[in-house]
PDB file of N, CA and C in Angstrom:
ATOM      1  N   GLY A   1      21.030 -65.814 -53.222  1.00  0.00           N
ATOM      2  CA  GLY A   1      21.883 -66.613 -52.390  1.00  0.00           C
ATOM      3  C   GLY A   1      20.985 -67.600 -51.607  1.00  0.00           C
ATOM      4  N   GLN A   2      21.147 -67.584 -50.294  1.00  0.00           N
ATOM      5  CA  GLN A   2      20.452 -68.534 -49.456  1.00  0.00           C
ATOM      6  C   GLN A   2      18.929 -68.295 -49.464  1.00  0.00           C
ATOM      7  N   MET A   3      18.573 -67.003 -49.436  1.00  0.00           N
ATOM      8  CA  MET A   3      17.090 -66.722 -49.453  1.00  0.00           C
ATOM      9  C   MET A   3      16.439 -67.270 -50.715  1.00  0.00           C
ATOM     10  N   ALA A   4      17.129 -67.078 -51.875  1.00  0.00           N
ATOM     11  CA  ALA A   4      16.608 -67.540 -53.118  1.00  0.00           C
ATOM     12  C   ALA A   4      16.345 -69.106 -53.057  1.00  0.00           C
ATOM     13  N   GLU A   5      17.302 -69.872 -52.453  1.00  0.00           N
ATOM     14  CA  GLU A   5      17.208 -71.281 -52.402  1.00  0.00           C
ATOM     15  C   GLU A   5      16.054 -71.632 -51.448  1.00  0.00           C
ATOM     16  N   VAL A   6      15.893 -70.962 -50.294  1.00  0.00           N
ATOM     17  CA  VAL A   6      14.811 -71.213 -49.408  1.00  0.00           C
ATOM     18  C   VAL A   6      13.501 -71.008 -50.163  1.00  0.00           C
ATOM     19  N   LEU A   7      13.299 -69.851 -50.898  1.00  0.00           N
ATOM     20  CA  LEU A   7      12.115 -69.596 -51.623  1.00  0.00           C
ATOM     21  C   LEU A   7      11.851 -70.611 -52.775  1.00  0.00           C
ATOM     22  N   ARG A   8      12.857 -71.111 -53.396  1.00  0.00           N
ATOM     23  CA  ARG A   8      12.605 -72.195 -54.391  1.00  0.00           C
ATOM     24  C   ARG A   8      12.114 -73.383 -53.822  1.00  0.00           C
ATOM     25  N   GLU A   9      12.684 -73.849 -52.671  1.00  0.00           N
ATOM     26  CA  GLU A   9      12.258 -75.052 -51.984  1.00  0.00           C
ATOM     27  C   GLU A   9      10.790 -74.840 -51.465  1.00  0.00           C
ATOM     28  N   TRP A  10      10.531 -73.720 -50.893  1.00  0.00           N
ATOM     29  CA  TRP A  10       9.242 -73.372 -50.320  1.00  0.00           C
ATOM     30  C   TRP A  10       8.179 -73.337 -51.532  1.00  0.00           C
ATOM     31  N   ALA A  11       8.565 -72.780 -52.606  1.00  0.00           N
ATOM     32  CA  ALA A  11       7.587 -72.695 -53.780  1.00  0.00           C
ATOM     33  C   ALA A  11       7.257 -74.170 -54.329  1.00  0.00           C
ATOM     34  N   ALA A  12       8.237 -75.006 -54.302  1.00  0.00           N
ATOM     35  CA  ALA A  12       7.968 -76.367 -54.842  1.00  0.00           C
ATOM     36  C   ALA A  12       7.123 -77.100 -53.893  1.00  0.00           C
ATOM     37  N   ALA A  13       7.341 -76.971 -52.635  1.00  0.00           N
ATOM     38  CA  ALA A  13       6.491 -77.627 -51.543  1.00  0.00           C
ATOM     39  C   ALA A  13       5.073 -77.086 -51.543  1.00  0.00           C
ATOM     40  N   THR A  14       4.938 -75.772 -51.690  1.00  0.00           N
ATOM     41  CA  THR A  14       3.649 -75.074 -51.701  1.00  0.00           C
ATOM     42  C   THR A  14       2.813 -75.542 -52.882  1.00  0.00           C
ATOM     43  N   CYS A  15       3.502 -75.549 -54.012  1.00  0.00           N
ATOM     44  CA  CYS A  15       2.762 -76.061 -55.218  1.00  0.00           C
ATOM     45  C   CYS A  15       2.268 -77.489 -55.091  1.00  0.00           C
ATOM     46  N   ALA A  16       3.121 -78.309 -54.587  1.00  0.00           N
ATOM     47  CA  ALA A  16       2.721 -79.742 -54.403  1.00  0.00           C
ATOM     48  C   ALA A  16       1.527 -79.855 -53.434  1.00  0.00           C
ATOM     49  N   ALA A  17       1.537 -79.129 -52.331  1.00  0.00           N
ATOM     50  CA  ALA A  17       0.566 -79.161 -51.334  1.00  0.00           C
ATOM     51  C   ALA A  17      -0.785 -78.556 -51.784  1.00  0.00           C
ATOM     52  N   SER A  18      -0.744 -77.501 -52.702  1.00  0.00           N
ATOM     53  CA  SER A  18      -1.897 -76.780 -53.129  1.00  0.00           C
ATOM     54  C   SER A  18      -2.506 -77.187 -54.464  1.00  0.00           C
ATOM     55  N   GLY A  19      -1.826 -78.068 -55.171  1.00  0.00           N
ATOM     56  CA  GLY A  19      -2.352 -78.483 -56.478  1.00  0.00           C
ATOM     57  C   GLY A  19      -2.076 -77.497 -57.525  1.00  0.00           C
ATOM     58  N   TRP A  20      -0.932 -76.744 -57.383  1.00  0.00           N
ATOM     59  CA  TRP A  20      -0.480 -75.791 -58.388  1.00  0.00           C
ATOM     60  C   TRP A  20       0.612 -76.345 -59.139  1.00  0.00           C
ATOM     61  N   ARG A  21       0.963 -75.799 -60.291  1.00  0.00           N
ATOM     62  CA  ARG A  21       2.135 -76.137 -61.100  1.00  0.00           C
ATOM     63  C   ARG A  21       2.960 -74.959 -61.380  1.00  0.00           C
ATOM     64  N   THR A  22       4.211 -75.051 -61.083  1.00  0.00           N
ATOM     65  CA  THR A  22       5.136 -73.927 -61.325  1.00  0.00           C
ATOM     66  C   THR A  22       5.513 -73.943 -62.808  1.00  0.00           C
ATOM     67  N   VAL A  23       5.295 -72.902 -63.488  1.00  0.00           N
ATOM     68  CA  VAL A  23       5.698 -72.696 -64.904  1.00  0.00           C
ATOM     69  C   VAL A  23       7.049 -72.044 -64.947  1.00  0.00           C
ATOM     70  N   ASN A  24       7.241 -71.072 -64.119  1.00  0.00           N
ATOM     71  CA  ASN A  24       8.528 -70.257 -64.193  1.00  0.00           C
ATOM     72  C   ASN A  24       8.654 -69.670 -62.739  1.00  0.00           C
ATOM     73  N   LEU A  25       9.942 -69.633 -62.320  1.00  0.00           N
ATOM     74  CA  LEU A  25      10.279 -69.051 -61.040  1.00  0.00           C
ATOM     75  C   LEU A  25      11.498 -68.249 -61.173  1.00  0.00           C
ATOM     76  N   GLN A  26      11.534 -66.967 -60.971  1.00  0.00           N
ATOM     77  CA  GLN A  26      12.707 -66.109 -61.048  1.00  0.00           C
ATOM     78  C   GLN A  26      12.786 -65.300 -59.714  1.00  0.00           C
ATOM     79  N   ILE A  27      13.957 -65.362 -59.112  1.00  0.00           N
ATOM     80  CA  ILE A  27      14.143 -64.631 -57.914  1.00  0.00           C
ATOM     81  C   ILE A  27      15.350 -63.756 -58.037  1.00  0.00           C
ATOM     82  N   THR A  28      15.166 -62.468 -57.923  1.00  0.00           N
ATOM     83  CA  THR A  28      16.263 -61.487 -58.008  1.00  0.00           C
ATOM     84  C   THR A  28      16.225 -60.637 -56.772  1.00  0.00           C
ATOM     85  N   ALA A  29      17.184 -59.797 -56.619  1.00  0.00           N
ATOM     86  CA  ALA A  29      17.186 -58.782 -55.542  1.00  0.00           C
ATOM     87  C   ALA A  29      15.973 -57.883 -55.581  1.00  0.00           C
ATOM     88  N   ALA A  30      15.513 -57.620 -56.786  1.00  0.00           N
ATOM     89  CA  ALA A  30      14.361 -56.634 -57.020  1.00  0.00           C
ATOM     90  C   ALA A  30      13.009 -57.334 -56.891  1.00  0.00           C
ATOM     91  N   ALA A  31      12.892 -58.583 -57.235  1.00  0.00           N
ATOM     92  CA  ALA A  31      11.624 -59.150 -57.435  1.00  0.00           C
ATOM     93  C   ALA A  31      11.619 -60.720 -57.267  1.00  0.00           C
ATOM     94  N   PHE A  32      10.433 -61.190 -56.827  1.00  0.00           N
ATOM     95  CA  PHE A  32      10.114 -62.587 -56.757  1.00  0.00           C
ATOM     96  C   PHE A  32       9.070 -62.828 -57.780  1.00  0.00           C
ATOM     97  N   GLN A  33       9.396 -63.368 -58.861  1.00  0.00           N
ATOM     98  CA  GLN A  33       8.406 -63.521 -59.962  1.00  0.00           C
ATOM     99  C   GLN A  33       8.083 -65.038 -60.166  1.00  0.00           C
ATOM    100  N   TRP A  34       6.821 -65.429 -59.949  1.00  0.00           N
ATOM    101  CA  TRP A  34       6.439 -66.695 -59.956  1.00  0.00           C
ATOM    102  C   TRP A  34       5.218 -66.935 -60.931  1.00  0.00           C
ATOM    103  N   THR A  35       5.380 -67.778 -61.911  1.00  0.00           N
ATOM    104  CA  THR A  35       4.309 -68.064 -62.865  1.00  0.00           C
ATOM    105  C   THR A  35       3.854 -69.429 -62.504  1.00  0.00           C
ATOM    106  N   LEU A  36       2.572 -69.509 -62.257  1.00  0.00           N
ATOM    107  CA  LEU A  36       2.097 -70.804 -61.890  1.00  0.00           C
ATOM    108  C   LEU A  36       0.681 -71.058 -62.546  1.00  0.00           C
ATOM    109  N   GLU A  37       0.320 -72.414 -62.588  1.00  0.00           N
ATOM    110  CA  GLU A  37      -0.966 -72.754 -63.022  1.00  0.00           C
ATOM    111  C   GLU A  37      -1.750 -73.249 -61.728  1.00  0.00           C
ATOM    112  N   ALA A  38      -3.022 -72.824 -61.648  1.00  0.00           N
ATOM    113  CA  ALA A  38      -3.710 -73.107 -60.465  1.00  0.00           C
ATOM    114  C   ALA A  38      -5.208 -73.463 -60.916  1.00  0.00           C
ATOM    115  N   PRO A  39      -5.891 -74.213 -60.125  1.00  0.00           N
ATOM    116  CA  PRO A  39      -7.320 -74.522 -60.412  1.00  0.00           C
ATOM    117  C   PRO A  39      -8.092 -73.203 -60.559  1.00  0.00           C
ATOM    118  N   ALA A  40      -9.113 -73.162 -61.478  1.00  0.00           N
ATOM    119  CA  ALA A  40      -9.888 -71.948 -61.683  1.00  0.00           C
ATOM    120  C   ALA A  40     -10.649 -71.518 -60.461  1.00  0.00           C
ATOM    121  N   ALA A  41     -10.807 -72.389 -59.465  1.00  0.00           N
ATOM    122  CA  ALA A  41     -11.581 -72.093 -58.240  1.00  0.00           C
ATOM    123  C   ALA A  41     -10.689 -71.201 -57.317  1.00  0.00           C
ATOM    124  N   ASP A  42      -9.363 -71.258 -57.524  1.00  0.00           N
ATOM    125  CA  ASP A  42      -8.428 -70.417 -56.661  1.00  0.00           C
ATOM    126  C   ASP A  42      -8.297 -69.078 -57.258  1.00  0.00           C
ATOM    127  N   SER A  43      -8.934 -68.060 -56.520  1.00  0.00           N
ATOM    128  CA  SER A  43      -8.798 -66.707 -57.060  1.00  0.00           C
ATOM    129  C   SER A  43      -7.435 -66.218 -56.971  1.00  0.00           C
ATOM    130  N   PRO A  44      -7.125 -65.214 -57.846  1.00  0.00           N
ATOM    131  CA  PRO A  44      -5.744 -64.641 -57.782  1.00  0.00           C
ATOM    132  C   PRO A  44      -5.424 -63.957 -56.419  1.00  0.00           C
ATOM    133  N   GLY A  45      -6.528 -63.254 -55.918  1.00  0.00           N
ATOM    134  CA  GLY A  45      -6.361 -62.570 -54.658  1.00  0.00           C
ATOM    135  C   GLY A  45      -6.015 -63.599 -53.500  1.00  0.00           C
ATOM    136  N   ALA A  46      -6.750 -64.786 -53.490  1.00  0.00           N
ATOM    137  CA  ALA A  46      -6.429 -65.791 -52.518  1.00  0.00           C
ATOM    138  C   ALA A  46      -5.023 -66.342 -52.652  1.00  0.00           C
ATOM    139  N   LEU A  47      -4.693 -66.602 -53.922  1.00  0.00           N
ATOM    140  CA  LEU A  47      -3.252 -67.130 -54.194  1.00  0.00           C
ATOM    141  C   LEU A  47      -2.293 -66.128 -53.602  1.00  0.00           C
ATOM    142  N   MET A  48      -2.497 -64.786 -53.801  1.00  0.00           N
ATOM    143  CA  MET A  48      -1.517 -63.805 -53.281  1.00  0.00           C
ATOM    144  C   MET A  48      -1.459 -63.758 -51.833  1.00  0.00           C
ATOM    145  N   ARG A  49      -2.608 -63.924 -51.153  1.00  0.00           N
ATOM    146  CA  ARG A  49      -2.580 -63.997 -49.663  1.00  0.00           C
ATOM    147  C   ARG A  49      -1.800 -65.143 -49.208  1.00  0.00           C
ATOM    148  N   ILE A  50      -2.065 -66.276 -49.779  1.00  0.00           N
ATOM    149  CA  ILE A  50      -1.329 -67.479 -49.394  1.00  0.00           C
ATOM    150  C   ILE A  50       0.202 -67.392 -49.621  1.00  0.00           C
ATOM    151  N   ILE A  51       0.515 -66.879 -50.826  1.00  0.00           N
ATOM    152  CA  ILE A  51       1.949 -66.732 -51.149  1.00  0.00           C
ATOM    153  C   ILE A  51       2.658 -65.703 -50.254  1.00  0.00           C
ATOM    154  N   ARG A  52       2.057 -64.612 -49.995  1.00  0.00           N
ATOM    155  CA  ARG A  52       2.681 -63.572 -49.127  1.00  0.00           C
ATOM    156  C   ARG A  52       2.819 -64.082 -47.741  1.00  0.00           C
ATOM    157  N   GLN A  53       1.712 -64.560 -47.140  1.00  0.00           N
ATOM    158  CA  GLN A  53       1.728 -65.041 -45.721  1.00  0.00           C
ATOM    159  C   GLN A  53       2.691 -66.150 -45.521  1.00  0.00           C
ATOM    160  N   GLN A  54       2.593 -67.221 -46.350  1.00  0.00           N
ATOM    161  CA  GLN A  54       3.416 -68.426 -46.095  1.00  0.00           C
ATOM    162  C   GLN A  54       4.863 -68.208 -46.449  1.00  0.00           C
ATOM    163  N   SER A  55       5.129 -67.481 -47.507  1.00  0.00           N
ATOM    164  CA  SER A  55       6.588 -67.174 -47.823  1.00  0.00           C
ATOM    165  C   SER A  55       7.229 -66.214 -46.825  1.00  0.00           C
ATOM    166  N   SER A  56       6.414 -65.280 -46.272  1.00  0.00           N
ATOM    167  CA  SER A  56       6.959 -64.474 -45.190  1.00  0.00           C
ATOM    168  C   SER A  56       7.291 -65.299 -43.984  1.00  0.00           C
ATOM    169  N   LEU A  57       6.425 -66.173 -43.605  1.00  0.00           N
ATOM    170  CA  LEU A  57       6.730 -67.017 -42.428  1.00  0.00           C
ATOM    171  C   LEU A  57       7.985 -67.853 -42.655  1.00  0.00           C
ATOM    172  N   GLU A  58       8.085 -68.379 -43.913  1.00  0.00           N
ATOM    173  CA  GLU A  58       9.317 -69.221 -44.225  1.00  0.00           C
ATOM    174  C   GLU A  58      10.538 -68.371 -44.227  1.00  0.00           C
ATOM    175  N   ILE A  59      10.514 -67.197 -44.750  1.00  0.00           N
ATOM    176  CA  ILE A  59      11.752 -66.272 -44.814  1.00  0.00           C
ATOM    177  C   ILE A  59      12.075 -65.928 -43.389  1.00  0.00           C
ATOM    178  N   ILE A  60      11.107 -65.465 -42.563  1.00  0.00           N
ATOM    179  CA  ILE A  60      11.429 -65.020 -41.209  1.00  0.00           C
ATOM    180  C   ILE A  60      11.924 -66.200 -40.340  1.00  0.00           C
ATOM    181  N   ALA A  61      11.427 -67.457 -40.585  1.00  0.00           N
ATOM    182  CA  ALA A  61      11.911 -68.615 -39.898  1.00  0.00           C
ATOM    183  C   ALA A  61      13.406 -68.888 -40.182  1.00  0.00           C
ATOM    184  N   HIS A  62      13.814 -68.690 -41.394  1.00  0.00           N
ATOM    185  CA  HIS A  62      15.147 -68.929 -41.813  1.00  0.00           C
ATOM    186  C   HIS A  62      16.105 -67.705 -41.612  1.00  0.00           C
ATOM    187  N   PHE A  63      15.503 -66.487 -41.646  1.00  0.00           N
ATOM    188  CA  PHE A  63      16.291 -65.290 -41.547  1.00  0.00           C
ATOM    189  C   PHE A  63      15.646 -64.307 -40.595  1.00  0.00           C
ATOM    190  N   PRO A  64      15.664 -64.579 -39.315  1.00  0.00           N
ATOM    191  CA  PRO A  64      14.996 -63.812 -38.259  1.00  0.00           C
ATOM    192  C   PRO A  64      15.396 -62.357 -38.237  1.00  0.00           C
ATOM    193  N   GLN A  65      16.453 -62.025 -38.818  1.00  0.00           N
ATOM    194  CA  GLN A  65      16.880 -60.608 -38.823  1.00  0.00           C
ATOM    195  C   GLN A  65      15.914 -59.777 -39.695  1.00  0.00           C
ATOM    196  N   PHE A  66      15.003 -60.342 -40.524  1.00  0.00           N
ATOM    197  CA  PHE A  66      14.084 -59.612 -41.285  1.00  0.00           C
ATOM    198  C   PHE A  66      12.736 -59.517 -40.601  1.00  0.00           C
ATOM    199  N   SER A  67      12.538 -59.912 -39.389  1.00  0.00           N
ATOM    200  CA  SER A  67      11.276 -59.938 -38.678  1.00  0.00           C
ATOM    201  C   SER A  67      10.798 -58.631 -38.293  1.00  0.00           C
ATOM    202  N   LEU A  68      11.641 -57.597 -38.364  1.00  0.00           N
ATOM    203  CA  LEU A  68      11.308 -56.212 -37.937  1.00  0.00           C
ATOM    204  C   LEU A  68      10.686 -55.373 -39.042  1.00  0.00           C
ATOM    205  N   SER A  69      10.558 -55.915 -40.277  1.00  0.00           N
ATOM    206  CA  SER A  69      10.075 -55.147 -41.427  1.00  0.00           C
ATOM    207  C   SER A  69       8.583 -55.119 -41.478  1.00  0.00           C
ATOM    208  N   GLY A  70       8.050 -53.921 -41.969  1.00  0.00           N
ATOM    209  CA  GLY A  70       6.688 -53.741 -42.276  1.00  0.00           C
ATOM    210  C   GLY A  70       5.702 -54.190 -41.273  1.00  0.00           C
ATOM    211  N   GLU A  71       4.560 -54.795 -41.780  1.00  0.00           N
ATOM    212  CA  GLU A  71       3.618 -55.342 -40.884  1.00  0.00           C
ATOM    213  C   GLU A  71       4.135 -56.580 -40.104  1.00  0.00           C
ATOM    214  N   GLU A  72       3.487 -56.820 -39.021  1.00  0.00           N
ATOM    215  CA  GLU A  72       3.870 -57.984 -38.167  1.00  0.00           C
ATOM    216  C   GLU A  72       3.805 -59.234 -39.063  1.00  0.00           C
ATOM    217  N   GLY A  73       5.000 -59.899 -39.186  1.00  0.00           N
ATOM    218  CA  GLY A  73       4.983 -61.180 -39.940  1.00  0.00           C
ATOM    219  C   GLY A  73       4.909 -61.106 -41.417  1.00  0.00           C
ATOM    220  N   ASP A  74       4.947 -59.909 -41.989  1.00  0.00           N
ATOM    221  CA  ASP A  74       4.932 -59.676 -43.465  1.00  0.00           C
ATOM    222  C   ASP A  74       6.281 -59.235 -43.954  1.00  0.00           C
ATOM    223  N   PHE A  75       7.045 -60.052 -44.579  1.00  0.00           N
ATOM    224  CA  PHE A  75       8.346 -59.732 -45.084  1.00  0.00           C
ATOM    225  C   PHE A  75       8.237 -58.744 -46.296  1.00  0.00           C
ATOM    226  N   TRP A  76       7.241 -58.878 -47.134  1.00  0.00           N
ATOM    227  CA  TRP A  76       7.150 -58.247 -48.405  1.00  0.00           C
ATOM    228  C   TRP A  76       6.627 -56.763 -48.306  1.00  0.00           C
ATOM    229  N   ALA A  77       7.148 -55.869 -49.245  1.00  0.00           N
ATOM    230  CA  ALA A  77       6.694 -54.575 -49.346  1.00  0.00           C
ATOM    231  C   ALA A  77       5.190 -54.567 -49.761  1.00  0.00           C
ATOM    232  N   PRO A  78       4.452 -53.537 -49.510  1.00  0.00           N
ATOM    233  CA  PRO A  78       3.059 -53.601 -50.048  1.00  0.00           C
ATOM    234  C   PRO A  78       2.995 -53.591 -51.637  1.00  0.00           C
ATOM    235  N   GLY A  79       1.960 -54.220 -52.144  1.00  0.00           N
ATOM    236  CA  GLY A  79       1.805 -54.217 -53.542  1.00  0.00           C
ATOM    237  C   GLY A  79       2.293 -55.519 -54.163  1.00  0.00           C
ATOM    238  N   PHE A  80       1.619 -55.888 -55.212  1.00  0.00           N
ATOM    239  CA  PHE A  80       1.916 -57.064 -56.040  1.00  0.00           C
ATOM    240  C   PHE A  80       1.292 -56.864 -57.322  1.00  0.00           C
ATOM    241  N   LEU A  81       1.880 -57.550 -58.293  1.00  0.00           N
ATOM    242  CA  LEU A  81       1.376 -57.532 -59.687  1.00  0.00           C
ATOM    243  C   LEU A  81       0.868 -58.970 -60.114  1.00  0.00           C
ATOM    244  N   ILE A  82      -0.393 -59.070 -60.477  1.00  0.00           N
ATOM    245  CA  ILE A  82      -0.909 -60.287 -61.034  1.00  0.00           C
ATOM    246  C   ILE A  82      -1.152 -60.096 -62.429  1.00  0.00           C
ATOM    247  N   VAL A  83      -0.611 -61.058 -63.247  1.00  0.00           N
ATOM    248  CA  VAL A  83      -0.885 -61.035 -64.756  1.00  0.00           C
ATOM    249  C   VAL A  83      -1.450 -62.398 -65.111  1.00  0.00           C
ATOM    250  N   ARG A  84      -2.581 -62.347 -65.732  1.00  0.00           N
ATOM    251  CA  ARG A  84      -3.144 -63.549 -66.216  1.00  0.00           C
ATOM    252  C   ARG A  84      -2.654 -63.909 -67.536  1.00  0.00           C
ATOM    253  N   GLY A  85      -2.702 -65.155 -67.933  1.00  0.00           N
ATOM    254  CA  GLY A  85      -2.289 -65.548 -69.226  1.00  0.00           C
ATOM    255  C   GLY A  85      -0.968 -66.213 -69.122  1.00  0.00           C
ATOM    256  N   SER A  86      -0.410 -66.726 -70.231  1.00  0.00           N
ATOM    257  CA  SER A  86       0.821 -67.474 -70.322  1.00  0.00           C
ATOM    258  C   SER A  86       2.016 -66.686 -70.525  1.00  0.00           C
ATOM    259  N   LYS A  87       1.905 -65.419 -70.879  1.00  0.00           N
ATOM    260  CA  LYS A  87       3.030 -64.516 -71.084  1.00  0.00           C
ATOM    261  C   LYS A  87       3.402 -63.755 -69.832  1.00  0.00           C
ATOM    262  N   PRO A  88       4.593 -63.843 -69.395  1.00  0.00           N
ATOM    263  CA  PRO A  88       4.962 -63.121 -68.158  1.00  0.00           C
ATOM    264  C   PRO A  88       5.128 -61.592 -68.499  1.00  0.00           C
ATOM    265  N   PRO A  89       5.096 -60.770 -67.547  1.00  0.00           N
ATOM    266  CA  PRO A  89       5.296 -59.309 -67.805  1.00  0.00           C
ATOM    267  C   PRO A  89       6.650 -59.066 -68.394  1.00  0.00           C
ATOM    268  N   THR A  90       6.758 -58.079 -69.203  1.00  0.00           N
ATOM    269  CA  THR A  90       8.038 -57.720 -69.742  1.00  0.00           C
ATOM    270  C   THR A  90       8.921 -57.042 -68.740  1.00  0.00           C
ATOM    271  N   ALA A  91      10.164 -56.988 -68.898  1.00  0.00           N
ATOM    272  CA  ALA A  91      11.141 -56.266 -68.000  1.00  0.00           C
ATOM    273  C   ALA A  91      10.654 -54.870 -67.780  1.00  0.00           C
ATOM    274  N   GLN A  92      10.186 -54.174 -68.820  1.00  0.00           N
ATOM    275  CA  GLN A  92       9.828 -52.817 -68.737  1.00  0.00           C
ATOM    276  C   GLN A  92       8.492 -52.705 -67.845  1.00  0.00           C
ATOM    277  N   GLN A  93       7.572 -53.653 -68.054  1.00  0.00           N
ATOM    278  CA  GLN A  93       6.407 -53.605 -67.203  1.00  0.00           C
ATOM    279  C   GLN A  93       6.806 -53.771 -65.749  1.00  0.00           C
ATOM    280  N   LEU A  94       7.715 -54.598 -65.419  1.00  0.00           N
ATOM    281  CA  LEU A  94       8.144 -54.829 -64.023  1.00  0.00           C
ATOM    282  C   LEU A  94       8.792 -53.559 -63.505  1.00  0.00           C
ATOM    283  N   VAL A  95       9.633 -52.962 -64.251  1.00  0.00           N
ATOM    284  CA  VAL A  95      10.292 -51.703 -63.881  1.00  0.00           C
ATOM    285  C   VAL A  95       9.221 -50.628 -63.597  1.00  0.00           C
ATOM    286  N   ASP A  96       8.248 -50.545 -64.540  1.00  0.00           N
ATOM    287  CA  ASP A  96       7.233 -49.523 -64.327  1.00  0.00           C
ATOM    288  C   ASP A  96       6.376 -49.770 -63.129  1.00  0.00           C
ATOM    289  N   PHE A  97       5.995 -51.034 -62.898  1.00  0.00           N
ATOM    290  CA  PHE A  97       5.254 -51.427 -61.692  1.00  0.00           C
ATOM    291  C   PHE A  97       5.982 -51.047 -60.421  1.00  0.00           C
ATOM    292  N   ILE A  98       7.313 -51.491 -60.361  1.00  0.00           N
ATOM    293  CA  ILE A  98       8.056 -51.148 -59.138  1.00  0.00           C
ATOM    294  C   ILE A  98       8.165 -49.657 -58.926  1.00  0.00           C
ATOM    295  N   ARG A  99       8.458 -48.902 -59.943  1.00  0.00           N
ATOM    296  CA  ARG A  99       8.498 -47.393 -59.917  1.00  0.00           C
ATOM    297  C   ARG A  99       7.121 -46.828 -59.404  1.00  0.00           C
ATOM    298  N   GLN A 100       6.056 -47.226 -60.000  1.00  0.00           N
ATOM    299  CA  GLN A 100       4.734 -46.777 -59.480  1.00  0.00           C
ATOM    300  C   GLN A 100       4.430 -47.058 -58.062  1.00  0.00           C
ATOM    301  N   THR A 101       4.828 -48.303 -57.637  1.00  0.00           N
ATOM    302  CA  THR A 101       4.650 -48.698 -56.270  1.00  0.00           C
ATOM    303  C   THR A 101       5.505 -47.861 -55.372  1.00  0.00           C
ATOM    304  N   ARG A 102       6.720 -47.617 -55.751  1.00  0.00           N
ATOM    305  CA  ARG A 102       7.584 -46.757 -54.901  1.00  0.00           C
ATOM    306  C   ARG A 102       7.162 -45.341 -54.818  1.00  0.00           C
ATOM    307  N   LEU A 103       6.618 -44.858 -55.962  1.00  0.00           N
ATOM    308  CA  LEU A 103       6.063 -43.456 -55.978  1.00  0.00           C
ATOM    309  C   LEU A 103       4.866 -43.330 -54.949  1.00  0.00           C
ATOM    310  N   ARG A 104       3.927 -44.386 -54.944  1.00  0.00           N
ATOM    311  CA  ARG A 104       2.850 -44.343 -54.138  1.00  0.00           C
ATOM    312  C   ARG A 104       3.198 -44.447 -52.664  1.00  0.00           C
ATOM    313  N   GLN A 105       4.345 -45.097 -52.352  1.00  0.00           N
ATOM    314  CA  GLN A 105       4.820 -45.314 -51.036  1.00  0.00           C
ATOM    315  C   GLN A 105       5.636 -44.146 -50.591  1.00  0.00           C
ATOM    316  N   GLY A 106       5.923 -43.215 -51.500  1.00  0.00           N
ATOM    317  CA  GLY A 106       6.656 -42.012 -51.113  1.00  0.00           C
ATOM    318  C   GLY A 106       8.210 -42.277 -51.003  1.00  0.00           C
ATOM    319  N   LEU A 107       8.568 -43.422 -51.613  1.00  0.00           N
ATOM    320  CA  LEU A 107      10.023 -43.876 -51.502  1.00  0.00           C
ATOM    321  C   LEU A 107      10.881 -43.418 -52.656  1.00  0.00           C
ATOM    322  N   MET A 108      10.222 -42.611 -53.584  1.00  0.00           N
ATOM    323  CA  MET A 108      10.817 -42.134 -54.783  1.00  0.00           C
ATOM    324  C   MET A 108      10.280 -40.817 -55.211  1.00  0.00           C
ATOM    325  N   PRO A 109      11.132 -39.809 -55.569  1.00  0.00           N
ATOM    326  CA  PRO A 109      10.757 -38.571 -55.970  1.00  0.00           C
ATOM    327  C   PRO A 109       9.896 -38.699 -57.420  1.00  0.00           C
ATOM    328  N   GLU A 110       8.938 -37.853 -57.572  1.00  0.00           N
ATOM    329  CA  GLU A 110       8.174 -37.889 -58.871  1.00  0.00           C
ATOM    330  C   GLU A 110       8.947 -37.278 -59.911  1.00  0.00           C
TER     331      GLU A 110
END
């Protein structure tokens, strides 16, 4: 809904400002999946820090009701998946990643 639109606009602006190119962007209730091309000098870890921090600020600015979650100013649950290459993760890989993350967080029985 509205949050997906805010994230789409934010992703486009962030790409333009950072010299990245969006290849694919999928936003669902379960995941924010963003495939992008970035300069080789931009490390995946640095990209994730920027994406998490700036998108959290954007979400909380538009939806202040989410400001009480997790760490101060961090909207997202802990954990993220980085896949290199042009092929996005399969649906099963995403399901497995989310399940493993929730197991580690103690949010799901083994």
